[in-house]
Amino acid sequence: MAATGWEHAGAYRVEVRGRLTDRFAASFDGLAIEPGSGSRAGTTVLVGPVRDQSHLMGILQTLDALGIELISVNPDQPAADLEGRGTQFQGFLPQRDVRAI
């Protein structure tokens, strides 16, 4: 990933409640849509590169505009690459009611 001045640039996993179909692919250009499995059945994970904070916020705003409930946002990198930085942005996103799909 090219240097952007934002230290969190890289691949991300954005988990949402419900099953998103391929019709949502255009809304999340560049992110793969993967169904959750096992204990995560009934969820969908958007996986792919996030180039900067503005791009991440755009993804989150799109989810909100579509009424899709956000479960988690995590860097999709090996744990060793994240040592000392944490693996989830807990407290990063405001808590608020969102509509379920």
PDB file of N, CA and C in Angstrom:
ATOM      1  N   MET A   1       0.860  -1.175   0.000  1.00  0.00           N
ATOM      2  CA  MET A   1       0.000   0.000   0.000  1.00  0.00           C
ATOM      3  C   MET A   1       0.897   1.227   0.000  1.00  0.00           C
ATOM      4  N   ALA A   2       0.608   2.188  -0.820  1.00  0.00           N
ATOM      5  CA  ALA A   2       1.400   3.409  -0.916  1.00  0.00           C
ATOM      6  C   ALA A   2       1.267   4.232   0.359  1.00  0.00           C
ATOM      7  N   ALA A   3       2.313   4.927   0.689  1.00  0.00           N
ATOM      8  CA  ALA A   3       2.294   5.777   1.876  1.00  0.00           C
ATOM      9  C   ALA A   3       1.295   6.910   1.668  1.00  0.00           C
ATOM     10  N   THR A   4       0.422   7.102   2.647  1.00  0.00           N
ATOM     11  CA  THR A   4      -0.592   8.143   2.535  1.00  0.00           C
ATOM     12  C   THR A   4      -0.509   9.138   3.679  1.00  0.00           C
ATOM     13  N   GLY A   5       0.377   8.869   4.646  1.00  0.00           N
ATOM     14  CA  GLY A   5       0.423   9.717   5.818  1.00  0.00           C
ATOM     15  C   GLY A   5      -0.532   9.243   6.894  1.00  0.00           C
ATOM     16  N   TRP A   6      -1.352   8.244   6.590  1.00  0.00           N
ATOM     17  CA  TRP A   6      -2.286   7.668   7.560  1.00  0.00           C
ATOM     18  C   TRP A   6      -1.754   6.304   7.923  1.00  0.00           C
ATOM     19  N   GLU A   7      -1.315   6.117   9.176  1.00  0.00           N
ATOM     20  CA  GLU A   7      -0.625   4.897   9.574  1.00  0.00           C
ATOM     21  C   GLU A   7      -1.502   3.648   9.554  1.00  0.00           C
ATOM     22  N   HIS A   8      -2.813   3.782   9.421  1.00  0.00           N
ATOM     23  CA  HIS A   8      -3.714   2.631   9.454  1.00  0.00           C
ATOM     24  C   HIS A   8      -4.112   2.149   8.062  1.00  0.00           C
ATOM     25  N   ALA A   9      -3.531   2.708   7.008  1.00  0.00           N
ATOM     26  CA  ALA A   9      -3.858   2.273   5.649  1.00  0.00           C
ATOM     27  C   ALA A   9      -3.467   0.812   5.487  1.00  0.00           C
ATOM     28  N   GLY A  10      -4.259   0.077   4.734  1.00  0.00           N
ATOM     29  CA  GLY A  10      -3.998  -1.338   4.497  1.00  0.00           C
ATOM     30  C   GLY A  10      -5.298  -2.069   4.266  1.00  0.00           C
ATOM     31  N   ALA A  11      -5.254  -3.379   4.358  1.00  0.00           N
ATOM     32  CA  ALA A  11      -6.455  -4.189   4.165  1.00  0.00           C
ATOM     33  C   ALA A  11      -7.291  -4.190   5.446  1.00  0.00           C
ATOM     34  N   TYR A  12      -8.605  -4.187   5.285  1.00  0.00           N
ATOM     35  CA  TYR A  12      -9.526  -4.183   6.418  1.00  0.00           C
ATOM     36  C   TYR A  12     -10.608  -5.232   6.237  1.00  0.00           C
ATOM     37  N   ARG A  13     -11.201  -5.637   7.361  1.00  0.00           N
ATOM     38  CA  ARG A  13     -12.375  -6.511   7.395  1.00  0.00           C
ATOM     39  C   ARG A  13     -13.477  -5.713   8.101  1.00  0.00           C
ATOM     40  N   VAL A  14     -14.560  -5.470   7.389  1.00  0.00           N
ATOM     41  CA  VAL A  14     -15.695  -4.727   7.927  1.00  0.00           C
ATOM     42  C   VAL A  14     -16.856  -5.705   8.014  1.00  0.00           C
ATOM     43  N   GLU A  15     -17.233  -6.080   9.237  1.00  0.00           N
ATOM     44  CA  GLU A  15     -18.295  -7.065   9.429  1.00  0.00           C
ATOM     45  C   GLU A  15     -19.620  -6.359   9.679  1.00  0.00           C
ATOM     46  N   VAL A  16     -20.666  -6.824   8.992  1.00  0.00           N
ATOM     47  CA  VAL A  16     -22.000  -6.244   9.124  1.00  0.00           C
ATOM     48  C   VAL A  16     -23.012  -7.354   9.394  1.00  0.00           C
ATOM     49  N   ARG A  17     -24.135  -6.981   9.983  1.00  0.00           N
ATOM     50  CA  ARG A  17     -25.202  -7.931  10.262  1.00  0.00           C
ATOM     51  C   ARG A  17     -26.020  -8.149   8.993  1.00  0.00           C
ATOM     52  N   GLY A  18     -26.362  -9.391   8.716  1.00  0.00           N
ATOM     53  CA  GLY A  18     -27.172  -9.732   7.555  1.00  0.00           C
ATOM     54  C   GLY A  18     -26.314 -10.206   6.398  1.00  0.00           C
ATOM     55  N   ARG A  19     -26.998 -10.679   5.387  1.00  0.00           N
ATOM     56  CA  ARG A  19     -26.321 -11.175   4.181  1.00  0.00           C
ATOM     57  C   ARG A  19     -26.426 -10.136   3.085  1.00  0.00           C
ATOM     58  N   LEU A  20     -25.291  -9.663   2.607  1.00  0.00           N
ATOM     59  CA  LEU A  20     -25.270  -8.739   1.480  1.00  0.00           C
ATOM     60  C   LEU A  20     -25.068  -9.552   0.210  1.00  0.00           C
ATOM     61  N   THR A  21     -25.822  -9.241  -0.795  1.00  0.00           N
ATOM     62  CA  THR A  21     -25.693  -9.929  -2.072  1.00  0.00           C
ATOM     63  C   THR A  21     -24.752  -9.151  -2.984  1.00  0.00           C
ATOM     64  N   ASP A  22     -24.473  -9.719  -4.135  1.00  0.00           N
ATOM     65  CA  ASP A  22     -23.583  -9.068  -5.098  1.00  0.00           C
ATOM     66  C   ASP A  22     -24.132  -7.735  -5.596  1.00  0.00           C
ATOM     67  N   ARG A  23     -25.421  -7.493  -5.409  1.00  0.00           N
ATOM     68  CA  ARG A  23     -25.972  -6.205  -5.862  1.00  0.00           C
ATOM     69  C   ARG A  23     -25.381  -5.026  -5.097  1.00  0.00           C
ATOM     70  N   PHE A  24     -24.767  -5.303  -3.947  1.00  0.00           N
ATOM     71  CA  PHE A  24     -24.129  -4.248  -3.159  1.00  0.00           C
ATOM     72  C   PHE A  24     -22.685  -4.000  -3.591  1.00  0.00           C
ATOM     73  N   ALA A  25     -22.147  -4.826  -4.477  1.00  0.00           N
ATOM     74  CA  ALA A  25     -20.731  -4.736  -4.857  1.00  0.00           C
ATOM     75  C   ALA A  25     -20.361  -3.344  -5.361  1.00  0.00           C
ATOM     76  N   ALA A  26     -21.211  -2.736  -6.149  1.00  0.00           N
ATOM     77  CA  ALA A  26     -20.907  -1.416  -6.697  1.00  0.00           C
ATOM     78  C   ALA A  26     -20.837  -0.351  -5.592  1.00  0.00           C
ATOM     79  N   SER A  27     -21.584  -0.554  -4.514  1.00  0.00           N
ATOM     80  CA  SER A  27     -21.567   0.398  -3.403  1.00  0.00           C
ATOM     81  C   SER A  27     -20.262   0.353  -2.633  1.00  0.00           C
ATOM     82  N   PHE A  28     -19.564  -0.782  -2.713  1.00  0.00           N
ATOM     83  CA  PHE A  28     -18.314  -0.970  -1.976  1.00  0.00           C
ATOM     84  C   PHE A  28     -17.211  -1.369  -2.945  1.00  0.00           C
ATOM     85  N   ASP A  29     -17.032  -0.562  -3.969  1.00  0.00           N
ATOM     86  CA  ASP A  29     -16.062  -0.822  -5.024  1.00  0.00           C
ATOM     87  C   ASP A  29     -14.688  -1.152  -4.454  1.00  0.00           C
ATOM     88  N   GLY A  30     -14.130  -2.250  -4.893  1.00  0.00           N
ATOM     89  CA  GLY A  30     -12.808  -2.647  -4.450  1.00  0.00           C
ATOM     90  C   GLY A  30     -12.803  -3.572  -3.247  1.00  0.00           C
ATOM     91  N   LEU A  31     -13.963  -3.762  -2.602  1.00  0.00           N
ATOM     92  CA  LEU A  31     -14.038  -4.655  -1.451  1.00  0.00           C
ATOM     93  C   LEU A  31     -14.762  -5.939  -1.851  1.00  0.00           C
ATOM     94  N   ALA A  32     -14.227  -7.060  -1.420  1.00  0.00           N
ATOM     95  CA  ALA A  32     -14.874  -8.347  -1.659  1.00  0.00           C
ATOM     96  C   ALA A  32     -15.986  -8.528  -0.633  1.00  0.00           C
ATOM     97  N   ILE A  33     -17.074  -9.172  -1.032  1.00  0.00           N
ATOM     98  CA  ILE A  33     -18.200  -9.447  -0.147  1.00  0.00           C
ATOM     99  C   ILE A  33     -18.168 -10.931   0.182  1.00  0.00           C
ATOM    100  N   GLU A  34     -17.909 -11.260   1.466  1.00  0.00           N
ATOM    101  CA  GLU A  34     -17.802 -12.644   1.903  1.00  0.00           C
ATOM    102  C   GLU A  34     -18.865 -12.946   2.948  1.00  0.00           C
ATOM    103  N   PRO A  35     -19.628 -14.033   2.782  1.00  0.00           N
ATOM    104  CA  PRO A  35     -20.611 -14.402   3.808  1.00  0.00           C
ATOM    105  C   PRO A  35     -19.916 -14.915   5.061  1.00  0.00           C
ATOM    106  N   GLY A  36     -20.469 -14.587   6.228  1.00  0.00           N
ATOM    107  CA  GLY A  36     -19.942 -15.126   7.477  1.00  0.00           C
ATOM    108  C   GLY A  36     -20.268 -16.609   7.560  1.00  0.00           C
ATOM    109  N   SER A  37     -19.476 -17.360   8.319  1.00  0.00           N
ATOM    110  CA  SER A  37     -19.734 -18.788   8.455  1.00  0.00           C
ATOM    111  C   SER A  37     -19.543 -19.209   9.904  1.00  0.00           C
ATOM    112  N   GLY A  38     -19.948 -20.419  10.211  1.00  0.00           N
ATOM    113  CA  GLY A  38     -19.821 -20.934  11.572  1.00  0.00           C
ATOM    114  C   GLY A  38     -20.580 -20.073  12.557  1.00  0.00           C
ATOM    115  N   SER A  39     -19.897 -19.631  13.601  1.00  0.00           N
ATOM    116  CA  SER A  39     -20.546 -18.807  14.620  1.00  0.00           C
ATOM    117  C   SER A  39     -20.889 -17.416  14.088  1.00  0.00           C
ATOM    118  N   ARG A  40     -20.357 -17.063  12.920  1.00  0.00           N
ATOM    119  CA  ARG A  40     -20.621 -15.753  12.316  1.00  0.00           C
ATOM    120  C   ARG A  40     -21.642 -15.849  11.184  1.00  0.00           C
ATOM    121  N   ALA A  41     -22.362 -16.978  11.079  1.00  0.00           N
ATOM    122  CA  ALA A  41     -23.408 -17.114  10.065  1.00  0.00           C
ATOM    123  C   ALA A  41     -24.425 -15.994  10.274  1.00  0.00           C
ATOM    124  N   GLY A  42     -24.970 -15.491   9.186  1.00  0.00           N
ATOM    125  CA  GLY A  42     -25.922 -14.388   9.282  1.00  0.00           C
ATOM    126  C   GLY A  42     -25.250 -13.030   9.231  1.00  0.00           C
ATOM    127  N   THR A  43     -23.958 -13.031   8.957  1.00  0.00           N
ATOM    128  CA  THR A  43     -23.223 -11.779   8.802  1.00  0.00           C
ATOM    129  C   THR A  43     -22.543 -11.772   7.438  1.00  0.00           C
ATOM    130  N   THR A  44     -22.017 -10.629   7.078  1.00  0.00           N
ATOM    131  CA  THR A  44     -21.236 -10.477   5.857  1.00  0.00           C
ATOM    132  C   THR A  44     -19.979  -9.709   6.217  1.00  0.00           C
ATOM    133  N   VAL A  45     -18.865 -10.066   5.570  1.00  0.00           N
ATOM    134  CA  VAL A  45     -17.612  -9.358   5.797  1.00  0.00           C
ATOM    135  C   VAL A  45     -17.175  -8.719   4.483  1.00  0.00           C
ATOM    136  N   LEU A  46     -16.936  -7.415   4.523  1.00  0.00           N
ATOM    137  CA  LEU A  46     -16.362  -6.687   3.392  1.00  0.00           C
ATOM    138  C   LEU A  46     -14.855  -6.677   3.610  1.00  0.00           C
ATOM    139  N   VAL A  47     -14.102  -7.160   2.638  1.00  0.00           N
ATOM    140  CA  VAL A  47     -12.658  -7.298   2.789  1.00  0.00           C
ATOM    141  C   VAL A  47     -11.950  -6.620   1.637  1.00  0.00           C
ATOM    142  N   GLY A  48     -10.937  -5.825   1.952  1.00  0.00           N
ATOM    143  CA  GLY A  48     -10.156  -5.211   0.890  1.00  0.00           C
ATOM    144  C   GLY A  48      -9.346  -4.031   1.379  1.00  0.00           C
ATOM    145  N   PRO A  49      -8.678  -3.370   0.437  1.00  0.00           N
ATOM    146  CA  PRO A  49      -7.798  -2.258   0.792  1.00  0.00           C
ATOM    147  C   PRO A  49      -8.562  -0.987   1.160  1.00  0.00           C
ATOM    148  N   VAL A  50      -8.061  -0.313   2.182  1.00  0.00           N
ATOM    149  CA  VAL A  50      -8.569   1.004   2.587  1.00  0.00           C
ATOM    150  C   VAL A  50      -7.371   1.927   2.540  1.00  0.00           C
ATOM    151  N   ARG A  51      -7.405   2.895   1.641  1.00  0.00           N
ATOM    152  CA  ARG A  51      -6.214   3.711   1.374  1.00  0.00           C
ATOM    153  C   ARG A  51      -5.976   4.826   2.374  1.00  0.00           C
ATOM    154  N   ASP A  52      -7.051   5.335   2.976  1.00  0.00           N
ATOM    155  CA  ASP A  52      -6.866   6.414   3.947  1.00  0.00           C
ATOM    156  C   ASP A  52      -8.116   6.547   4.806  1.00  0.00           C
ATOM    157  N   GLN A  53      -8.065   7.447   5.781  1.00  0.00           N
ATOM    158  CA  GLN A  53      -9.169   7.610   6.715  1.00  0.00           C
ATOM    159  C   GLN A  53     -10.442   8.063   6.001  1.00  0.00           C
ATOM    160  N   SER A  54     -10.311   8.900   5.012  1.00  0.00           N
ATOM    161  CA  SER A  54     -11.467   9.361   4.255  1.00  0.00           C
ATOM    162  C   SER A  54     -12.164   8.191   3.561  1.00  0.00           C
ATOM    163  N   HIS A  55     -11.389   7.277   3.008  1.00  0.00           N
ATOM    164  CA  HIS A  55     -11.950   6.099   2.354  1.00  0.00           C
ATOM    165  C   HIS A  55     -12.707   5.237   3.368  1.00  0.00           C
ATOM    166  N   LEU A  56     -12.118   5.007   4.546  1.00  0.00           N
ATOM    167  CA  LEU A  56     -12.778   4.227   5.591  1.00  0.00           C
ATOM    168  C   LEU A  56     -14.085   4.897   6.016  1.00  0.00           C
ATOM    169  N   MET A  57     -14.050   6.196   6.219  1.00  0.00           N
ATOM    170  CA  MET A  57     -15.271   6.904   6.622  1.00  0.00           C
ATOM    171  C   MET A  57     -16.332   6.831   5.525  1.00  0.00           C
ATOM    172  N   GLY A  58     -15.918   6.862   4.268  1.00  0.00           N
ATOM    173  CA  GLY A  58     -16.867   6.721   3.167  1.00  0.00           C
ATOM    174  C   GLY A  58     -17.561   5.365   3.188  1.00  0.00           C
ATOM    175  N   ILE A  59     -16.807   4.309   3.484  1.00  0.00           N
ATOM    176  CA  ILE A  59     -17.393   2.968   3.602  1.00  0.00           C
ATOM    177  C   ILE A  59     -18.423   2.947   4.724  1.00  0.00           C
ATOM    178  N   LEU A  60     -18.054   3.498   5.870  1.00  0.00           N
ATOM    179  CA  LEU A  60     -18.959   3.514   7.023  1.00  0.00           C
ATOM    180  C   LEU A  60     -20.197   4.362   6.758  1.00  0.00           C
ATOM    181  N   GLN A  61     -20.033   5.484   6.065  1.00  0.00           N
ATOM    182  CA  GLN A  61     -21.186   6.325   5.724  1.00  0.00           C
ATOM    183  C   GLN A  61     -22.113   5.618   4.737  1.00  0.00           C
ATOM    184  N   THR A  62     -21.548   4.855   3.812  1.00  0.00           N
ATOM    185  CA  THR A  62     -22.368   4.093   2.869  1.00  0.00           C
ATOM    186  C   THR A  62     -23.180   3.042   3.610  1.00  0.00           C
ATOM    187  N   LEU A  63     -22.553   2.341   4.543  1.00  0.00           N
ATOM    188  CA  LEU A  63     -23.286   1.357   5.351  1.00  0.00           C
ATOM    189  C   LEU A  63     -24.445   2.023   6.076  1.00  0.00           C
ATOM    190  N   ASP A  64     -24.181   3.162   6.681  1.00  0.00           N
ATOM    191  CA  ASP A  64     -25.218   3.894   7.411  1.00  0.00           C
ATOM    192  C   ASP A  64     -26.343   4.325   6.479  1.00  0.00           C
ATOM    193  N   ALA A  65     -26.000   4.856   5.313  1.00  0.00           N
ATOM    194  CA  ALA A  65     -27.015   5.328   4.357  1.00  0.00           C
ATOM    195  C   ALA A  65     -27.894   4.180   3.863  1.00  0.00           C
ATOM    196  N   LEU A  66     -27.323   2.980   3.783  1.00  0.00           N
ATOM    197  CA  LEU A  66     -28.083   1.810   3.329  1.00  0.00           C
ATOM    198  C   LEU A  66     -28.830   1.129   4.471  1.00  0.00           C
ATOM    199  N   GLY A  67     -28.635   1.625   5.692  1.00  0.00           N
ATOM    200  CA  GLY A  67     -29.317   1.043   6.846  1.00  0.00           C
ATOM    201  C   GLY A  67     -28.741  -0.300   7.262  1.00  0.00           C
ATOM    202  N   ILE A  68     -27.462  -0.517   6.999  1.00  0.00           N
ATOM    203  CA  ILE A  68     -26.807  -1.782   7.319  1.00  0.00           C
ATOM    204  C   ILE A  68     -26.098  -1.654   8.661  1.00  0.00           C
ATOM    205  N   GLU A  69     -26.352  -2.597   9.567  1.00  0.00           N
ATOM    206  CA  GLU A  69     -25.794  -2.536  10.913  1.00  0.00           C
ATOM    207  C   GLU A  69     -24.333  -2.986  10.930  1.00  0.00           C
ATOM    208  N   LEU A  70     -23.469  -2.124  11.419  1.00  0.00           N
ATOM    209  CA  LEU A  70     -22.051  -2.397  11.541  1.00  0.00           C
ATOM    210  C   LEU A  70     -21.793  -3.217  12.800  1.00  0.00           C
ATOM    211  N   ILE A  71     -20.995  -4.289  12.669  1.00  0.00           N
ATOM    212  CA  ILE A  71     -20.603  -5.097  13.822  1.00  0.00           C
ATOM    213  C   ILE A  71     -19.178  -4.766  14.239  1.00  0.00           C
ATOM    214  N   SER A  72     -18.239  -4.770  13.290  1.00  0.00           N
ATOM    215  CA  SER A  72     -16.848  -4.492  13.652  1.00  0.00           C
ATOM    216  C   SER A  72     -16.054  -4.026  12.443  1.00  0.00           C
ATOM    217  N   VAL A  73     -14.943  -3.339  12.742  1.00  0.00           N
ATOM    218  CA  VAL A  73     -13.976  -2.900  11.735  1.00  0.00           C
ATOM    219  C   VAL A  73     -12.605  -3.312  12.264  1.00  0.00           C
ATOM    220  N   ASN A  74     -11.896  -4.142  11.487  1.00  0.00           N
ATOM    221  CA  ASN A  74     -10.599  -4.649  11.926  1.00  0.00           C
ATOM    222  C   ASN A  74      -9.590  -4.616  10.791  1.00  0.00           C
ATOM    223  N   PRO A  75      -8.335  -4.276  11.111  1.00  0.00           N
ATOM    224  CA  PRO A  75      -7.289  -4.435  10.102  1.00  0.00           C
ATOM    225  C   PRO A  75      -7.189  -5.909   9.732  1.00  0.00           C
ATOM    226  N   ASP A  76      -6.965  -6.219   8.473  1.00  0.00           N
ATOM    227  CA  ASP A  76      -6.854  -7.598   7.999  1.00  0.00           C
ATOM    228  C   ASP A  76      -5.385  -7.889   7.728  1.00  0.00           C
ATOM    229  N   GLN A  77      -4.612  -7.912   8.814  1.00  0.00           N
ATOM    230  CA  GLN A  77      -3.177  -8.145   8.734  1.00  0.00           C
ATOM    231  C   GLN A  77      -2.814  -9.173   9.792  1.00  0.00           C
ATOM    232  N   PRO A  78      -1.708  -9.876   9.623  1.00  0.00           N
ATOM    233  CA  PRO A  78      -1.270 -10.810  10.662  1.00  0.00           C
ATOM    234  C   PRO A  78      -1.085 -10.091  11.997  1.00  0.00           C
ATOM    235  N   ALA A  79      -1.406 -10.769  13.089  1.00  0.00           N
ATOM    236  CA  ALA A  79      -1.334 -10.167  14.418  1.00  0.00           C
ATOM    237  C   ALA A  79       0.046  -9.602  14.715  1.00  0.00           C
ATOM    238  N   ALA A  80       1.103 -10.251  14.228  1.00  0.00           N
ATOM    239  CA  ALA A  80       2.461  -9.766  14.490  1.00  0.00           C
ATOM    240  C   ALA A  80       2.672  -8.369  13.920  1.00  0.00           C
ATOM    241  N   ASP A  81       1.997  -8.052  12.809  1.00  0.00           N
ATOM    242  CA  ASP A  81       2.125  -6.725  12.210  1.00  0.00           C
ATOM    243  C   ASP A  81       1.429  -5.657  13.033  1.00  0.00           C
ATOM    244  N   LEU A  82       0.542  -6.077  13.948  1.00  0.00           N
ATOM    245  CA  LEU A  82      -0.251  -5.123  14.724  1.00  0.00           C
ATOM    246  C   LEU A  82       0.197  -5.005  16.170  1.00  0.00           C
ATOM    247  N   GLU A  83       1.245  -5.708  16.542  1.00  0.00           N
ATOM    248  CA  GLU A  83       1.694  -5.708  17.928  1.00  0.00           C
ATOM    249  C   GLU A  83       1.869  -4.286  18.441  1.00  0.00           C
ATOM    250  N   GLY A  84       1.237  -4.021  19.575  1.00  0.00           N
ATOM    251  CA  GLY A  84       1.343  -2.710  20.194  1.00  0.00           C
ATOM    252  C   GLY A  84       0.369  -1.682  19.638  1.00  0.00           C
ATOM    253  N   ARG A  85      -0.373  -2.030  18.577  1.00  0.00           N
ATOM    254  CA  ARG A  85      -1.300  -1.066  17.981  1.00  0.00           C
ATOM    255  C   ARG A  85      -2.754  -1.439  18.229  1.00  0.00           C
ATOM    256  N   GLY A  86      -3.020  -2.617  18.780  1.00  0.00           N
ATOM    257  CA  GLY A  86      -4.393  -3.062  18.954  1.00  0.00           C
ATOM    258  C   GLY A  86      -4.903  -3.647  17.665  1.00  0.00           C
ATOM    259  N   THR A  87      -5.993  -4.418  17.746  1.00  0.00           N
ATOM    260  CA  THR A  87      -6.506  -5.061  16.544  1.00  0.00           C
ATOM    261  C   THR A  87      -7.908  -4.608  16.188  1.00  0.00           C
ATOM    262  N   GLN A  88      -8.516  -3.788  17.000  1.00  0.00           N
ATOM    263  CA  GLN A  88      -9.850  -3.323  16.687  1.00  0.00           C
ATOM    264  C   GLN A  88     -10.003  -1.884  17.152  1.00  0.00           C
ATOM    265  N   PHE A  89     -10.778  -1.115  16.425  1.00  0.00           N
ATOM    266  CA  PHE A  89     -10.986   0.288  16.769  1.00  0.00           C
ATOM    267  C   PHE A  89     -12.160   0.421  17.728  1.00  0.00           C
ATOM    268  N   GLN A  90     -12.070  -0.170  18.903  1.00  0.00           N
ATOM    269  CA  GLN A  90     -13.132  -0.034  19.882  1.00  0.00           C
ATOM    270  C   GLN A  90     -13.130   1.395  20.396  1.00  0.00           C
ATOM    271  N   GLY A  91     -14.307   1.982  20.454  1.00  0.00           N
ATOM    272  CA  GLY A  91     -14.416   3.351  20.884  1.00  0.00           C
ATOM    273  C   GLY A  91     -14.139   4.355  19.779  1.00  0.00           C
ATOM    274  N   PHE A  92     -13.707   3.859  18.610  1.00  0.00           N
ATOM    275  CA  PHE A  92     -13.414   4.736  17.477  1.00  0.00           C
ATOM    276  C   PHE A  92     -14.684   5.252  16.832  1.00  0.00           C
ATOM    277  N   LEU A  93     -15.699   4.400  16.784  1.00  0.00           N
ATOM    278  CA  LEU A  93     -16.952   4.767  16.125  1.00  0.00           C
ATOM    279  C   LEU A  93     -17.976   5.197  17.165  1.00  0.00           C
ATOM    280  N   PRO A  94     -18.771   6.211  16.861  1.00  0.00           N
ATOM    281  CA  PRO A  94     -19.788   6.628  17.813  1.00  0.00           C
ATOM    282  C   PRO A  94     -20.848   5.548  17.976  1.00  0.00           C
ATOM    283  N   GLN A  95     -21.344   5.378  19.188  1.00  0.00           N
ATOM    284  CA  GLN A  95     -22.416   4.426  19.446  1.00  0.00           C
ATOM    285  C   GLN A  95     -23.736   5.094  19.077  1.00  0.00           C
ATOM    286  N   ARG A  96     -24.528   4.406  18.257  1.00  0.00           N
ATOM    287  CA  ARG A  96     -25.821   4.960  17.874  1.00  0.00           C
ATOM    288  C   ARG A  96     -26.690   3.850  17.335  1.00  0.00           C
ATOM    289  N   ASP A  97     -27.951   4.082  17.315  1.00  0.00           N
ATOM    290  CA  ASP A  97     -28.876   3.107  16.767  1.00  0.00           C
ATOM    291  C   ASP A  97     -28.773   3.099  15.257  1.00  0.00           C
ATOM    292  N   VAL A  98     -28.735   1.913  14.671  1.00  0.00           N
ATOM    293  CA  VAL A  98     -28.756   1.792  13.227  1.00  0.00           C
ATOM    294  C   VAL A  98     -29.847   0.804  12.859  1.00  0.00           C
ATOM    295  N   ARG A  99     -30.334   0.926  11.665  1.00  0.00           N
ATOM    296  CA  ARG A  99     -31.391   0.044  11.204  1.00  0.00           C
ATOM    297  C   ARG A  99     -30.785  -1.276  10.743  1.00  0.00           C
ATOM    298  N   ALA A 100     -31.430  -2.377  11.093  1.00  0.00           N
ATOM    299  CA  ALA A 100     -30.985  -3.698  10.619  1.00  0.00           C
ATOM    300  C   ALA A 100     -31.560  -3.914   9.225  1.00  0.00           C
ATOM    301  N   ILE A 101     -30.855  -4.708   8.432  1.00  0.00           N
ATOM    302  CA  ILE A 101     -31.369  -4.989   7.080  1.00  0.00           C
ATOM    303  C   ILE A 101     -32.331  -6.147   7.114  1.00  0.00           C
TER     304      ILE A 101
END
